[in-house]
């Protein structure tokens, strides 16, 4: 029973931290552009070949 008195507040603190981190990420536009990073590697120029 004493373990629950410690585990429940710790779990609530971890959950509150996750909510705060999510709200911070949304407010700082971390989720604004999810498509470009995956396509950027396809749009890069190919490496130049060394001239002999």
N, C-alpha and C. Protein backbone atom coordinates (compact mmCIF):
# COMPACT_ATOMS: atom_id res chain seq x y z
N UNK A 1 0.81 -1.19 0.00
CA UNK A 1 0.00 0.00 0.00
C UNK A 1 0.86 1.26 0.00
N UNK A 2 1.99 1.22 0.70
CA UNK A 2 2.86 2.40 0.73
C UNK A 2 3.51 2.65 -0.62
N UNK A 3 3.65 1.60 -1.40
CA UNK A 3 4.22 1.77 -2.74
C UNK A 3 3.28 2.58 -3.63
N UNK A 4 1.99 2.39 -3.46
CA UNK A 4 1.03 3.16 -4.25
C UNK A 4 1.06 4.64 -3.90
N UNK A 5 1.32 4.96 -2.65
CA UNK A 5 1.38 6.37 -2.27
C UNK A 5 2.57 7.08 -2.91
N UNK A 6 3.55 6.33 -3.34
CA UNK A 6 4.69 6.90 -4.04
C UNK A 6 4.53 6.79 -5.55
N UNK A 7 4.00 5.68 -6.03
CA UNK A 7 3.91 5.44 -7.47
C UNK A 7 2.88 6.33 -8.16
N UNK A 8 1.76 6.59 -7.52
CA UNK A 8 0.72 7.39 -8.16
C UNK A 8 1.17 8.84 -8.35
N UNK A 9 1.74 9.51 -7.38
CA UNK A 9 2.23 10.88 -7.64
C UNK A 9 3.34 10.94 -8.68
N UNK A 10 4.22 9.95 -8.68
CA UNK A 10 5.29 9.92 -9.68
C UNK A 10 4.69 9.74 -11.07
N UNK A 11 3.71 8.87 -11.21
CA UNK A 11 3.06 8.68 -12.51
C UNK A 11 2.34 9.95 -12.96
N UNK A 12 1.70 10.64 -12.03
CA UNK A 12 1.03 11.90 -12.37
C UNK A 12 2.03 12.97 -12.80
N UNK A 13 3.17 13.03 -12.14
CA UNK A 13 4.21 13.99 -12.54
C UNK A 13 4.76 13.68 -13.92
N UNK A 14 4.97 12.42 -14.22
CA UNK A 14 5.46 12.04 -15.55
C UNK A 14 4.42 12.38 -16.62
N UNK A 15 3.17 12.10 -16.35
CA UNK A 15 2.11 12.42 -17.31
C UNK A 15 1.99 13.93 -17.50
N UNK A 16 2.08 14.70 -16.43
CA UNK A 16 2.02 16.15 -16.54
C UNK A 16 3.22 16.68 -17.34
N UNK A 17 4.37 16.09 -17.15
CA UNK A 17 5.55 16.49 -17.92
C UNK A 17 5.37 16.21 -19.40
N UNK A 18 4.74 15.09 -19.73
CA UNK A 18 4.49 14.77 -21.13
C UNK A 18 3.50 15.76 -21.75
N UNK A 19 2.49 16.14 -20.99
CA UNK A 19 1.52 17.12 -21.50
C UNK A 19 2.19 18.47 -21.70
N UNK A 20 3.02 18.89 -20.77
CA UNK A 20 3.73 20.17 -20.90
C UNK A 20 4.67 20.13 -22.10
N UNK A 21 5.36 19.03 -22.30
CA UNK A 21 6.27 18.91 -23.44
C UNK A 21 5.49 18.95 -24.76
N UNK A 22 4.34 18.34 -24.80
CA UNK A 22 3.52 18.36 -26.02
C UNK A 22 3.01 19.78 -26.30
N UNK A 23 2.55 20.47 -25.28
CA UNK A 23 2.06 21.83 -25.47
C UNK A 23 3.20 22.74 -25.93
N UNK A 24 4.38 22.58 -25.36
CA UNK A 24 5.53 23.37 -25.79
C UNK A 24 5.86 23.10 -27.26
N UNK A 25 5.82 21.83 -27.67
CA UNK A 25 6.14 21.48 -29.05
C UNK A 25 5.12 22.07 -30.02
N UNK A 26 3.87 22.08 -29.65
CA UNK A 26 2.84 22.66 -30.52
C UNK A 26 3.00 24.17 -30.61
N UNK A 27 3.26 24.81 -29.51
CA UNK A 27 3.38 26.28 -29.52
C UNK A 27 4.63 26.77 -30.24
N UNK A 28 5.68 25.99 -30.30
CA UNK A 28 6.90 26.40 -30.97
C UNK A 28 6.98 25.84 -32.39
N UNK A 29 5.85 25.40 -32.94
CA UNK A 29 5.73 24.96 -34.34
C UNK A 29 6.65 23.78 -34.68
N UNK A 30 6.81 22.86 -33.77
CA UNK A 30 7.62 21.69 -34.05
C UNK A 30 6.94 20.73 -35.02
N UNK A 31 5.62 20.81 -35.14
CA UNK A 31 4.86 19.90 -36.01
C UNK A 31 4.40 20.58 -37.29
N UNK A 32 4.97 21.74 -37.63
CA UNK A 32 4.47 22.51 -38.75
C UNK A 32 4.77 21.84 -40.10
N UNK A 33 5.97 21.38 -40.32
CA UNK A 33 6.35 20.83 -41.62
C UNK A 33 6.85 19.41 -41.44
N UNK A 34 5.98 18.45 -41.66
CA UNK A 34 6.34 17.05 -41.46
C UNK A 34 6.73 16.36 -42.76
N UNK A 35 6.47 16.97 -43.92
CA UNK A 35 6.72 16.30 -45.20
C UNK A 35 8.08 16.65 -45.80
N UNK A 36 8.54 17.86 -45.64
CA UNK A 36 9.76 18.30 -46.33
C UNK A 36 11.00 17.51 -45.92
N UNK A 37 11.26 17.23 -44.65
CA UNK A 37 12.49 16.51 -44.32
C UNK A 37 12.60 15.15 -45.01
N UNK A 38 11.48 14.49 -45.24
CA UNK A 38 11.56 13.19 -45.90
C UNK A 38 11.83 13.34 -47.39
N UNK A 39 11.37 14.42 -47.99
CA UNK A 39 11.56 14.64 -49.42
C UNK A 39 12.85 15.35 -49.74
N UNK A 40 13.47 15.98 -48.77
CA UNK A 40 14.68 16.75 -49.01
C UNK A 40 15.81 15.89 -49.55
N UNK A 41 15.92 14.66 -49.08
CA UNK A 41 16.99 13.80 -49.56
C UNK A 41 16.80 13.42 -51.01
N UNK A 42 15.57 13.44 -51.50
CA UNK A 42 15.33 13.13 -52.91
C UNK A 42 15.62 14.32 -53.81
N UNK A 43 15.62 15.52 -53.27
CA UNK A 43 15.82 16.72 -54.07
C UNK A 43 17.26 17.21 -54.06
N UNK A 44 18.13 16.62 -53.28
CA UNK A 44 19.52 17.05 -53.22
C UNK A 44 20.23 16.76 -54.54
N UNK A 45 21.21 17.59 -54.84
CA UNK A 45 22.01 17.37 -56.04
C UNK A 45 22.89 16.14 -55.85
N UNK A 46 23.12 15.38 -56.92
CA UNK A 46 24.01 14.23 -56.79
C UNK A 46 25.45 14.71 -56.59
N UNK A 47 26.27 13.91 -55.94
CA UNK A 47 27.66 14.33 -55.72
C UNK A 47 28.41 14.43 -57.04
N UNK A 48 29.32 15.40 -57.13
CA UNK A 48 30.11 15.56 -58.35
C UNK A 48 31.19 14.49 -58.43
N UNK A 49 31.41 14.04 -59.66
CA UNK A 49 32.47 13.05 -59.87
C UNK A 49 33.82 13.76 -59.99
N UNK A 50 34.84 13.18 -59.42
CA UNK A 50 36.16 13.82 -59.56
C UNK A 50 36.66 13.76 -61.00
N UNK A 51 37.26 14.85 -61.45
CA UNK A 51 37.80 14.89 -62.82
C UNK A 51 39.18 14.26 -62.83
N UNK A 52 39.44 13.45 -63.85
CA UNK A 52 40.77 12.78 -63.89
C UNK A 52 41.88 13.72 -64.27
